[in-house]
C-alpha atoms as a PDB file:
ATOM      1  CA  MET A   1     -11.608 -23.013 -14.153  1.00  0.00           C
ATOM      2  CA  ASN A   2      -9.369 -20.543 -12.259  1.00  0.00           C
ATOM      3  CA  ALA A   3      -9.772 -19.363  -8.670  1.00  0.00           C
ATOM      4  CA  LEU A   4     -11.571 -16.195  -9.719  1.00  0.00           C
ATOM      5  CA  GLU A   5     -14.101 -18.225 -11.733  1.00  0.00           C
ATOM      6  CA  LYS A   6     -14.908 -20.346  -8.789  1.00  0.00           C
ATOM      7  CA  GLN A   7     -15.943 -17.441  -6.440  1.00  0.00           C
ATOM      8  CA  SER A   8     -19.655 -16.591  -6.330  1.00  0.00           C
ATOM      9  CA  THR A   9     -21.113 -13.765  -8.413  1.00  0.00           C
ATOM     10  CA  GLY A  10     -21.689 -11.743  -5.195  1.00  0.00           C
ATOM     11  CA  THR A  11     -17.994 -11.976  -4.159  1.00  0.00           C
ATOM     12  CA  GLN A  12     -16.700 -11.254  -7.881  1.00  0.00           C
ATOM     13  CA  GLU A  13     -18.753  -8.220  -7.996  1.00  0.00           C
ATOM     14  CA  ALA A  14     -17.634  -6.988  -4.527  1.00  0.00           C
ATOM     15  CA  LEU A  15     -13.901  -7.686  -5.476  1.00  0.00           C
ATOM     16  CA  ALA A  16     -14.358  -5.734  -8.722  1.00  0.00           C
ATOM     17  CA  ARG A  17     -15.609  -2.831  -6.903  1.00  0.00           C
ATOM     18  CA  LEU A  18     -12.815  -2.953  -4.239  1.00  0.00           C
ATOM     19  CA  LEU A  19     -10.397  -3.106  -6.981  1.00  0.00           C
ATOM     20  CA  ARG A  20     -11.492  -0.007  -8.676  1.00  0.00           C
ATOM     21  CA  VAL A  21      -8.796   1.697  -6.813  1.00  0.00           C
ATOM     22  CA  TYR A  22      -5.442  -0.207  -6.529  1.00  0.00           C
ATOM     23  CA  SER A  23      -1.882   0.598  -6.280  1.00  0.00           C
ATOM     24  CA  VAL A  24       1.442  -1.401  -6.553  1.00  0.00           C
ATOM     25  CA  GLU A  25       4.863  -0.783  -5.308  1.00  0.00           C
ATOM     26  CA  VAL A  26       8.314  -0.663  -6.882  1.00  0.00           C
ATOM     27  CA  THR A  27      11.768   0.492  -5.764  1.00  0.00           C
ATOM     28  CA  SER A  28      13.353   3.296  -7.407  1.00  0.00           C
ATOM     29  CA  ARG A  29      16.307   1.412  -8.857  1.00  0.00           C
ATOM     30  CA  ASP A  30      14.416  -1.524 -10.219  1.00  0.00           C
ATOM     31  CA  THR A  31      14.212  -0.546 -13.784  1.00  0.00           C
ATOM     32  CA  ALA A  32      12.866  -3.744 -14.848  1.00  0.00           C
ATOM     33  CA  SER A  33       9.775  -3.262 -12.459  1.00  0.00           C
ATOM     34  CA  LEU A  34       9.366   0.266 -13.646  1.00  0.00           C
ATOM     35  CA  GLU A  35       9.176  -0.624 -17.194  1.00  0.00           C
ATOM     36  CA  SER A  36       6.652  -3.489 -16.431  1.00  0.00           C
ATOM     37  CA  VAL A  37       4.264  -1.267 -14.692  1.00  0.00           C
ATOM     38  CA  VAL A  38       4.567   1.362 -17.421  1.00  0.00           C
ATOM     39  CA  GLY A  39       3.563  -1.294 -20.028  1.00  0.00           C
ATOM     40  CA  LEU A  40       0.642  -2.823 -17.922  1.00  0.00           C
ATOM     41  CA  LEU A  41      -0.997  -0.171 -15.772  1.00  0.00           C
ATOM     42  CA  ARG A  42      -4.050   1.957 -16.738  1.00  0.00           C
ATOM     43  CA  PRO A  43      -3.295   5.608 -16.810  1.00  0.00           C
ATOM     44  CA  GLY A  44      -3.571   7.300 -13.578  1.00  0.00           C
ATOM     45  CA  THR A  45      -2.849   4.329 -11.455  1.00  0.00           C
ATOM     46  CA  GLU A  46      -0.933   5.109  -8.371  1.00  0.00           C
ATOM     47  CA  VAL A  47       2.576   3.452  -8.200  1.00  0.00           C
ATOM     48  CA  PHE A  48       4.518   3.737  -4.771  1.00  0.00           C
ATOM     49  CA  VAL A  49       8.182   4.211  -5.275  1.00  0.00           C
ATOM     50  CA  ALA A  50      10.617   3.039  -2.429  1.00  0.00           C
ATOM     51  CA  ASN A  51      14.098   3.949  -2.209  1.00  0.00           C
ATOM     52  CA  LEU A  52      16.697   2.342  -0.124  1.00  0.00           C
ATOM     53  CA  PRO A  53      18.716   3.940   2.676  1.00  0.00           C
ATOM     54  CA  LYS A  54      21.827   6.046   1.296  1.00  0.00           C
ATOM     55  CA  GLU A  55      20.261   6.413  -2.219  1.00  0.00           C
ATOM     56  CA  SER A  56      20.415   9.900  -3.598  1.00  0.00           C
ATOM     57  CA  ALA A  57      17.305  11.814  -4.424  1.00  0.00           C
ATOM     58  CA  ASP A  58      18.330  11.671  -7.929  1.00  0.00           C
ATOM     59  CA  VAL A  59      17.223   8.071  -8.267  1.00  0.00           C
ATOM     60  CA  LEU A  60      13.794   8.677  -6.749  1.00  0.00           C
ATOM     61  CA  VAL A  61      13.161  11.723  -8.888  1.00  0.00           C
ATOM     62  CA  GLN A  62      14.294   9.751 -12.045  1.00  0.00           C
ATOM     63  CA  ALA A  63      11.778   6.911 -11.177  1.00  0.00           C
ATOM     64  CA  ALA A  64       8.960   9.267 -10.503  1.00  0.00           C
ATOM     65  CA  ARG A  65       9.572  11.213 -13.593  1.00  0.00           C
ATOM     66  CA  ARG A  66       9.519   7.929 -15.744  1.00  0.00           C
ATOM     67  CA  LEU A  67       6.090   7.150 -14.234  1.00  0.00           C
ATOM     68  CA  ARG A  68       4.589  10.485 -14.713  1.00  0.00           C
ATOM     69  CA  ASP A  69       5.790  10.613 -18.390  1.00  0.00           C
ATOM     70  CA  ALA A  70       3.956   7.280 -18.970  1.00  0.00           C
ATOM     71  CA  GLY A  71       0.652   8.878 -17.341  1.00  0.00           C
ATOM     72  CA  LEU A  72       0.970   7.026 -14.073  1.00  0.00           C
ATOM     73  CA  GLU A  73       0.749   8.608 -10.617  1.00  0.00           C
ATOM     74  CA  PRO A  74       4.085   8.439  -8.649  1.00  0.00           C
ATOM     75  CA  VAL A  75       3.794   8.162  -4.843  1.00  0.00           C
ATOM     76  CA  PRO A  76       7.332   8.350  -3.681  1.00  0.00           C
ATOM     77  CA  HIS A  77       8.212   6.996  -0.080  1.00  0.00           C
ATOM     78  CA  ILE A  78       9.489  10.002   1.921  1.00  0.00           C
ATOM     79  CA  VAL A  79      11.488   8.334   4.828  1.00  0.00           C
ATOM     80  CA  ALA A  80      12.400  10.466   7.831  1.00  0.00           C
ATOM     81  CA  ARG A  81      15.492   8.343   8.707  1.00  0.00           C
ATOM     82  CA  ASN A  82      17.007   8.764   5.274  1.00  0.00           C
ATOM     83  CA  ILE A  83      16.784  12.442   5.068  1.00  0.00           C
ATOM     84  CA  ALA A  84      19.748  14.383   6.189  1.00  0.00           C
ATOM     85  CA  SER A  85      18.364  17.855   7.068  1.00  0.00           C
ATOM     86  CA  ARG A  86      15.352  20.164   6.410  1.00  0.00           C
ATOM     87  CA  ALA A  87      17.022  21.773   3.486  1.00  0.00           C
ATOM     88  CA  ALA A  88      17.367  18.301   2.083  1.00  0.00           C
ATOM     89  CA  LEU A  89      13.823  17.463   2.594  1.00  0.00           C
ATOM     90  CA  ASN A  90      12.655  20.701   0.915  1.00  0.00           C
ATOM     91  CA  ASP A  91      14.903  20.175  -1.998  1.00  0.00           C
ATOM     92  CA  MET A  92      13.748  16.604  -2.522  1.00  0.00           C
ATOM     93  CA  LEU A  93      10.078  17.502  -2.496  1.00  0.00           C
ATOM     94  CA  ALA A  94      10.725  20.527  -4.803  1.00  0.00           C
ATOM     95  CA  ARG A  95      12.354  18.376  -7.356  1.00  0.00           C
ATOM     96  CA  LEU A  96       9.587  15.608  -7.104  1.00  0.00           C
ATOM     97  CA  ALA A  97       7.021  18.174  -7.709  1.00  0.00           C
ATOM     98  CA  GLY A  98       8.761  20.294 -10.179  1.00  0.00           C
ATOM     99  CA  GLU A  99      10.395  17.580 -12.249  1.00  0.00           C
ATOM    100  CA  ALA A 100       7.919  14.562 -11.882  1.00  0.00           C
ATOM    101  CA  GLY A 101       4.600  16.388 -10.992  1.00  0.00           C
ATOM    102  CA  VAL A 102       4.412  14.603  -7.744  1.00  0.00           C
ATOM    103  CA  ASN A 103       1.298  15.629  -5.622  1.00  0.00           C
ATOM    104  CA  ARG A 104       1.224  12.847  -3.135  1.00  0.00           C
ATOM    105  CA  ALA A 105       3.666  10.778  -1.018  1.00  0.00           C
ATOM    106  CA  LEU A 106       3.875   7.956   1.548  1.00  0.00           C
ATOM    107  CA  VAL A 107       5.467   9.281   4.748  1.00  0.00           C
ATOM    108  CA  LEU A 108       7.383   7.001   6.823  1.00  0.00           C
ATOM    109  CA  ALA A 109       9.782   6.803   9.831  1.00  0.00           C
ATOM    110  CA  GLY A 110      11.989   4.214   8.381  1.00  0.00           C
ATOM    111  CA  ASP A 111      13.741   1.146   9.959  1.00  0.00           C
ATOM    112  CA  ARG A 112      17.222   2.110   9.915  1.00  0.00           C
ATOM    113  CA  ASP A 113      18.848   2.347  13.309  1.00  0.00           C
ATOM    114  CA  ASP A 114      21.070   5.274  12.413  1.00  0.00           C
ATOM    115  CA  PRO A 115      18.994   8.292  11.202  1.00  0.00           C
ATOM    116  CA  ALA A 116      20.860  10.240   8.449  1.00  0.00           C
ATOM    117  CA  GLY A 117      20.089  13.545  10.110  1.00  0.00           C
ATOM    118  CA  GLU A 118      17.536  15.397  12.480  1.00  0.00           C
ATOM    119  CA  PHE A 119      14.502  13.410  11.579  1.00  0.00           C
ATOM    120  CA  ASP A 120      13.399  10.061  13.041  1.00  0.00           C
ATOM    121  CA  ALA A 121       9.509   9.910  12.789  1.00  0.00           C
ATOM    122  CA  ALA A 122       7.124  10.582  10.152  1.00  0.00           C
ATOM    123  CA  LEU A 123       5.522  13.226  12.353  1.00  0.00           C
ATOM    124  CA  GLN A 124       8.490  15.391  12.198  1.00  0.00           C
ATOM    125  CA  LEU A 125       8.408  15.486   8.600  1.00  0.00           C
ATOM    126  CA  ILE A 126       4.650  16.290   8.445  1.00  0.00           C
ATOM    127  CA  ASP A 127       5.261  19.131  11.007  1.00  0.00           C
ATOM    128  CA  THR A 128       7.736  20.976   8.815  1.00  0.00           C
ATOM    129  CA  GLY A 129       5.044  22.017   6.503  1.00  0.00           C
ATOM    130  CA  ALA A 130       7.231  21.099   3.650  1.00  0.00           C
ATOM    131  CA  PHE A 131       4.578  18.958   1.870  1.00  0.00           C
ATOM    132  CA  PRO A 132       1.860  21.604   1.141  1.00  0.00           C
ATOM    133  CA  ALA A 133       4.547  24.138   0.508  1.00  0.00           C
ATOM    134  CA  ASN A 134       5.800  22.082  -2.335  1.00  0.00           C
ATOM    135  CA  GLY A 135       2.264  21.396  -3.755  1.00  0.00           C
ATOM    136  CA  ILE A 136       1.837  17.932  -2.090  1.00  0.00           C
ATOM    137  CA  GLY A 137      -1.621  17.759  -0.838  1.00  0.00           C
ATOM    138  CA  ARG A 138      -2.135  14.175   0.022  1.00  0.00           C
ATOM    139  CA  ILE A 139      -0.144  11.902   2.202  1.00  0.00           C
ATOM    140  CA  TYR A 140      -0.323   8.181   3.139  1.00  0.00           C
ATOM    141  CA  ILE A 141       0.546   6.944   6.522  1.00  0.00           C
ATOM    142  CA  SER A 142       1.285   3.195   7.252  1.00  0.00           C
ATOM    143  CA  SER A 143      -0.941   1.220   9.663  1.00  0.00           C
ATOM    144  CA  TYR A 144      -0.439  -2.059  11.298  1.00  0.00           C
ATOM    145  CA  PRO A 145      -3.601  -4.348  11.817  1.00  0.00           C
ATOM    146  CA  GLU A 146      -1.363  -6.792  13.780  1.00  0.00           C
ATOM    147  CA  GLY A 147       0.810  -4.277  15.560  1.00  0.00           C
ATOM    148  CA  HIS A 148       4.424  -3.437  14.981  1.00  0.00           C
ATOM    149  CA  PRO A 149       7.204  -5.852  16.004  1.00  0.00           C
ATOM    150  CA  ARG A 150       9.250  -3.036  17.526  1.00  0.00           C
ATOM    151  CA  ILE A 151       6.563  -0.546  18.709  1.00  0.00           C
ATOM    152  CA  ALA A 152       3.984  -1.039  21.368  1.00  0.00           C
ATOM    153  CA  ASP A 153       0.229  -0.896  20.431  1.00  0.00           C
ATOM    154  CA  ASP A 154      -0.496   2.232  22.704  1.00  0.00           C
ATOM    155  CA  LEU A 155       2.479   4.050  21.173  1.00  0.00           C
ATOM    156  CA  LEU A 156       1.275   3.165  17.662  1.00  0.00           C
ATOM    157  CA  GLU A 157      -2.155   4.451  18.258  1.00  0.00           C
ATOM    158  CA  GLN A 158      -0.792   7.626  19.642  1.00  0.00           C
ATOM    159  CA  ALA A 159       1.600   8.248  16.867  1.00  0.00           C
ATOM    160  CA  ARG A 160      -1.237   7.612  14.412  1.00  0.00           C
ATOM    161  CA  ALA A 161      -3.370  10.123  16.189  1.00  0.00           C
ATOM    162  CA  ASP A 162      -0.622  12.763  16.176  1.00  0.00           C
ATOM    163  CA  LYS A 163       0.055  12.310  12.455  1.00  0.00           C
ATOM    164  CA  LEU A 164      -3.568  12.662  11.580  1.00  0.00           C
ATOM    165  CA  ALA A 165      -3.832  15.672  13.770  1.00  0.00           C
ATOM    166  CA  ALA A 166      -0.538  17.184  12.161  1.00  0.00           C
ATOM    167  CA  ALA A 167      -1.917  16.478   8.648  1.00  0.00           C
ATOM    168  CA  ALA A 168      -5.218  18.211   9.456  1.00  0.00           C
ATOM    169  CA  ARG A 169      -3.422  21.239  10.523  1.00  0.00           C
ATOM    170  CA  GLU A 170      -1.351  21.232   7.311  1.00  0.00           C
ATOM    171  CA  GLY A 171      -4.472  20.876   5.231  1.00  0.00           C
ATOM    172  CA  LEU A 172      -3.262  17.393   3.940  1.00  0.00           C
ATOM    173  CA  ASP A 173      -5.690  14.623   2.848  1.00  0.00           C
ATOM    174  CA  VAL A 174      -4.794  11.345   4.382  1.00  0.00           C
ATOM    175  CA  THR A 175      -5.322   7.734   3.414  1.00  0.00           C
ATOM    176  CA  LEU A 176      -4.121   4.987   5.703  1.00  0.00           C
ATOM    177  CA  VAL A 177      -2.306   2.042   4.061  1.00  0.00           C
ATOM    178  CA  THR A 178      -1.882  -1.131   5.950  1.00  0.00           C
ATOM    179  CA  GLN A 179       0.938  -3.480   6.385  1.00  0.00           C
ATOM    180  CA  PHE A 180       0.157  -6.627   4.294  1.00  0.00           C
ATOM    181  CA  VAL A 181      -1.763  -9.336   6.078  1.00  0.00           C
ATOM    182  CA  PHE A 182      -2.830 -12.936   5.359  1.00  0.00           C
ATOM    183  CA  GLU A 183      -5.835 -13.024   7.613  1.00  0.00           C
ATOM    184  CA  PRO A 184      -9.027 -11.073   6.153  1.00  0.00           C
ATOM    185  CA  GLU A 185     -10.721 -10.658   9.529  1.00  0.00           C
ATOM    186  CA  LEU A 186      -7.804  -8.764  10.802  1.00  0.00           C
ATOM    187  CA  VAL A 187      -8.432  -5.957   8.175  1.00  0.00           C
ATOM    188  CA  SER A 188     -12.237  -5.764   9.125  1.00  0.00           C
ATOM    189  CA  GLU A 189     -11.523  -5.629  12.907  1.00  0.00           C
ATOM    190  CA  PHE A 190      -8.992  -3.014  12.500  1.00  0.00           C
ATOM    191  CA  ALA A 191     -11.229  -0.873  10.334  1.00  0.00           C
ATOM    192  CA  ARG A 192     -13.911  -1.148  12.819  1.00  0.00           C
ATOM    193  CA  ARG A 193     -11.578  -0.008  15.654  1.00  0.00           C
ATOM    194  CA  LEU A 194     -10.492   2.973  13.582  1.00  0.00           C
ATOM    195  CA  ARG A 195     -14.214   4.132  12.869  1.00  0.00           C
ATOM    196  CA  GLN A 196     -15.140   3.468  16.524  1.00  0.00           C
ATOM    197  CA  SER A 197     -12.251   5.787  17.533  1.00  0.00           C
ATOM    198  CA  GLY A 198     -13.533   8.556  15.312  1.00  0.00           C
ATOM    199  CA  ILE A 199     -10.965   8.198  12.564  1.00  0.00           C
ATOM    200  CA  THR A 200     -12.674   8.813   9.241  1.00  0.00           C
ATOM    201  CA  ALA A 201      -9.631   8.701   6.838  1.00  0.00           C
ATOM    202  CA  PRO A 202      -9.911   6.078   3.984  1.00  0.00           C
ATOM    203  CA  LEU A 203      -8.263   2.765   4.613  1.00  0.00           C
ATOM    204  CA  ARG A 204      -6.296   0.949   1.681  1.00  0.00           C
ATOM    205  CA  VAL A 205      -5.620  -2.699   2.537  1.00  0.00           C
ATOM    206  CA  GLY A 206      -2.102  -3.944   1.968  1.00  0.00           C
ATOM    207  CA  VAL A 207      -1.716  -7.376   0.495  1.00  0.00           C
ATOM    208  CA  ALA A 208       1.127  -9.535  -0.588  1.00  0.00           C
ATOM    209  CA  GLY A 209       1.006  -9.955  -4.422  1.00  0.00           C
ATOM    210  CA  PRO A 210       2.010 -13.351  -5.953  1.00  0.00           C
ATOM    211  CA  ALA A 211       5.348 -14.352  -4.719  1.00  0.00           C
ATOM    212  CA  GLU A 212       7.271 -17.470  -3.960  1.00  0.00           C
ATOM    213  CA  ARG A 213       6.629 -19.122  -0.560  1.00  0.00           C
ATOM    214  CA  GLY A 214      10.101 -18.473   0.967  1.00  0.00           C
ATOM    215  CA  LYS A 215       9.961 -14.782   0.089  1.00  0.00           C
ATOM    216  CA  LEU A 216       6.588 -14.322   1.518  1.00  0.00           C
ATOM    217  CA  ILE A 217       7.551 -15.953   4.815  1.00  0.00           C
ATOM    218  CA  LYS A 218      10.723 -13.907   5.274  1.00  0.00           C
ATOM    219  CA  TYR A 219       8.927 -10.703   4.483  1.00  0.00           C
ATOM    220  CA  ALA A 220       6.074 -11.713   6.754  1.00  0.00           C
ATOM    221  CA  LEU A 221       8.213 -12.491   9.755  1.00  0.00           C
ATOM    222  CA  ARG A 222      10.280  -9.313   9.224  1.00  0.00           C
ATOM    223  CA  CYS A 223       7.204  -7.163   9.076  1.00  0.00           C
ATOM    224  CA  GLY A 224       5.677  -8.495  12.193  1.00  0.00           C
ATOM    225  CA  VAL A 225       2.652 -10.367  10.509  1.00  0.00           C
ATOM    226  CA  GLY A 226       3.355 -13.739  12.182  1.00  0.00           C
ATOM    227  CA  ALA A 227      -0.252 -13.888  13.533  1.00  0.00           C
ATOM    228  CA  SER A 228      -1.503 -14.032  10.004  1.00  0.00           C
ATOM    229  CA  LEU A 229       0.683 -16.941   9.251  1.00  0.00           C
ATOM    230  CA  ARG A 230      -0.238 -18.837  12.374  1.00  0.00           C
ATOM    231  CA  ALA A 231      -4.052 -18.153  11.364  1.00  0.00           C
ATOM    232  CA  LEU A 232      -3.446 -19.746   8.057  1.00  0.00           C
ATOM    233  CA  ARG A 233      -2.865 -23.057   9.633  1.00  0.00           C
ATOM    234  CA  GLU A 234      -6.528 -23.227  10.602  1.00  0.00           C
ATOM    235  CA  ARG A 235      -7.690 -22.360   7.100  1.00  0.00           C
ATOM    236  CA  SER A 236      -6.023 -25.029   4.882  1.00  0.00           C
ATOM    237  CA  GLU A 237      -7.468 -23.767   1.439  1.00  0.00           C
ATOM    238  CA  LEU A 238      -6.559 -20.155   2.103  1.00  0.00           C
ATOM    239  CA  ALA A 239      -3.038 -21.259   3.312  1.00  0.00           C
ATOM    240  CA  ARG A 240      -2.524 -23.110   0.197  1.00  0.00           C
ATOM    241  CA  ASN A 241      -3.468 -20.407  -2.101  1.00  0.00           C
ATOM    242  CA  VAL A 242      -1.517 -17.531  -0.265  1.00  0.00           C
ATOM    243  CA  MET A 243       1.579 -19.560   0.804  1.00  0.00           C
ATOM    244  CA  ALA A 244       2.007 -21.393  -2.637  1.00  0.00           C
ATOM    245  CA  GLY A 245       2.653 -17.849  -4.032  1.00  0.00           C
ATOM    246  CA  GLU A 246      -0.707 -18.010  -5.797  1.00  0.00           C
ATOM    247  CA  THR A 247      -3.087 -15.046  -5.849  1.00  0.00           C
ATOM    248  CA  PRO A 248      -5.086 -13.351  -3.132  1.00  0.00           C
ATOM    249  CA  ASP A 249      -8.476 -14.306  -4.290  1.00  0.00           C
ATOM    250  CA  ASP A 250     -10.044 -15.607  -1.039  1.00  0.00           C
ATOM    251  CA  LEU A 251      -8.402 -13.052   1.164  1.00  0.00           C
ATOM    252  CA  LEU A 252      -9.381 -10.061  -0.734  1.00  0.00           C
ATOM    253  CA  GLY A 253     -12.832 -11.793  -1.659  1.00  0.00           C
ATOM    254  CA  GLU A 254     -13.591 -11.749   2.018  1.00  0.00           C
ATOM    255  CA  VAL A 255     -12.408  -8.216   2.511  1.00  0.00           C
ATOM    256  CA  ALA A 256     -14.579  -7.041  -0.264  1.00  0.00           C
ATOM    257  CA  LEU A 257     -17.633  -8.764   1.020  1.00  0.00           C
ATOM    258  CA  SER A 258     -17.012  -7.088   4.336  1.00  0.00           C
ATOM    259  CA  GLN A 259     -16.787  -3.672   2.791  1.00  0.00           C
ATOM    260  CA  ALA A 260     -19.923  -4.522   0.777  1.00  0.00           C
ATOM    261  CA  ASP A 261     -21.766  -5.541   3.983  1.00  0.00           C
ATOM    262  CA  GLU A 262     -20.333  -2.607   6.152  1.00  0.00           C
ATOM    263  CA  SER A 263     -19.611   0.407   4.099  1.00  0.00           C
ATOM    264  CA  SER A 264     -18.799   2.332   7.188  1.00  0.00           C
ATOM    265  CA  LEU A 265     -15.427   0.250   7.321  1.00  0.00           C
ATOM    266  CA  GLY A 266     -14.281   2.822   4.800  1.00  0.00           C
ATOM    267  CA  ILE A 267     -11.898   0.353   3.057  1.00  0.00           C
ATOM    268  CA  SER A 268     -11.374   2.150  -0.200  1.00  0.00           C
ATOM    269  CA  GLY A 269      -8.947   0.151  -2.210  1.00  0.00           C
ATOM    270  CA  VAL A 270      -6.038  -2.313  -2.234  1.00  0.00           C
ATOM    271  CA  HIS A 271      -2.256  -1.767  -2.118  1.00  0.00           C
ATOM    272  CA  PHE A 272      -0.150  -4.700  -3.446  1.00  0.00           C
ATOM    273  CA  PHE A 273       3.318  -5.261  -1.981  1.00  0.00           C
ATOM    274  CA  THR A 274       5.007  -6.809  -5.055  1.00  0.00           C
ATOM    275  CA  PHE A 275       8.289  -8.184  -3.832  1.00  0.00           C
ATOM    276  CA  GLY A 276      10.045  -7.326  -7.096  1.00  0.00           C
ATOM    277  CA  ASP A 277       7.338  -8.617  -9.395  1.00  0.00           C
ATOM    278  CA  PRO A 278       4.634  -6.008  -9.735  1.00  0.00           C
ATOM    279  CA  ALA A 279       3.414  -7.578 -13.259  1.00  0.00           C
ATOM    280  CA  SER A 280       1.996 -10.561 -11.392  1.00  0.00           C
ATOM    281  CA  SER A 281       0.045  -8.468  -9.135  1.00  0.00           C
ATOM    282  CA  ILE A 282      -1.148  -6.185 -11.812  1.00  0.00           C
ATOM    283  CA  ARG A 283      -2.273  -9.080 -14.070  1.00  0.00           C
ATOM    284  CA  TRP A 284      -4.178 -10.533 -11.209  1.00  0.00           C
ATOM    285  CA  ALA A 285      -5.879  -7.337 -10.256  1.00  0.00           C
ATOM    286  CA  GLU A 286      -6.814  -6.447 -13.766  1.00  0.00           C
ATOM    287  CA  GLY A 287      -8.207 -10.050 -14.090  1.00  0.00           C
ATOM    288  CA  ALA A 288     -10.221  -9.659 -11.078  1.00  0.00           C
ATOM    289  CA  ARG A 289     -11.648  -6.358 -12.016  1.00  0.00           C
ATOM    290  CA  ASN A 290     -12.899  -7.906 -15.273  1.00  0.00           C
ATOM    291  CA  ALA A 291     -13.672 -11.337 -13.896  1.00  0.00           C
ATOM    292  CA  ARG A 292     -17.581 -10.809 -14.382  1.00  0.00           C
ATOM    293  CA  ALA A 293     -17.252  -9.872 -17.975  1.00  0.00           C
ATOM    294  CA  ALA A 294     -14.720 -12.650 -18.736  1.00  0.00           C
ATOM    295  CA  ILE A 295     -16.837 -15.541 -17.371  1.00  0.00           C
ATOM    296  CA  ALA A 296     -20.060 -14.223 -19.025  1.00  0.00           C
ATOM    297  CA  PRO A 297     -19.446 -15.988 -22.395  1.00  0.00           C
ATOM    298  CA  THR A 298     -18.551 -19.219 -20.473  1.00  0.00           C
ATOM    299  CA  LEU A 299     -21.667 -19.237 -18.513  1.00  0.00           C
ATOM    300  CA  SER A 300     -23.875 -18.758 -21.647  1.00  0.00           C
ATOM    301  CA  ARG A 301     -22.659 -21.712 -23.477  1.00  0.00           C
END
């Protein structure tokens, strides 16, 4: 019996509902990952496409076009600190929309210390009006349940409010996507704080897909989710599953139950950080979506 089969019927059903909407992430140059998602994902599934600093727009456009041609929904990362000028931003968005049918994007500031041009914040990109002008009507904004390792909490909250206000002025639909966490309560608490502050944008919870222990720890510390790692020490079973590179059954099961109990949390789906192995996340997500059907014959024996 696998981990999914050990979950209660209620947890399985809640998890399947939560995973009706999920997305995965690849990098634009990782052709092996691109081909794996093309072969495994259901049509219309969103694939977030990251591109590294100093990569040309050509690479991002090509990756987005490959996904669109396969019937998937490309969501390119548009990174302020990687863009040389407003003209370069407009050209890239026009190409993504025109050549790859892109109509949504993740808008980020970026972590590089040396901006390529005039932009250093996601808000600046939104304020240009370039997204709706190029037919992009939906954007995703990053959120940090544990805070950001380099930005104070009050500044994060103000930046989020400013971006939401700017998106509203531009007529853009917004979904918040969290940094990955290892502690489910952090997600529920974060969602409650959002709703109590009047923010109604849907929230997609970020999780680490199956990955080796060392890679998980490295990315977790780099991304500022150390509090989640420390919390795992108090929950040995969850820690064994997550940090052994296994699947996020328990973590997402608890998030799913919280959403089922409190629909006002507005947790609308899951985003998988895949660390170069999207196939493992996809197989797990599809298995969880179908878990109830898969175990029914076993239960009837």
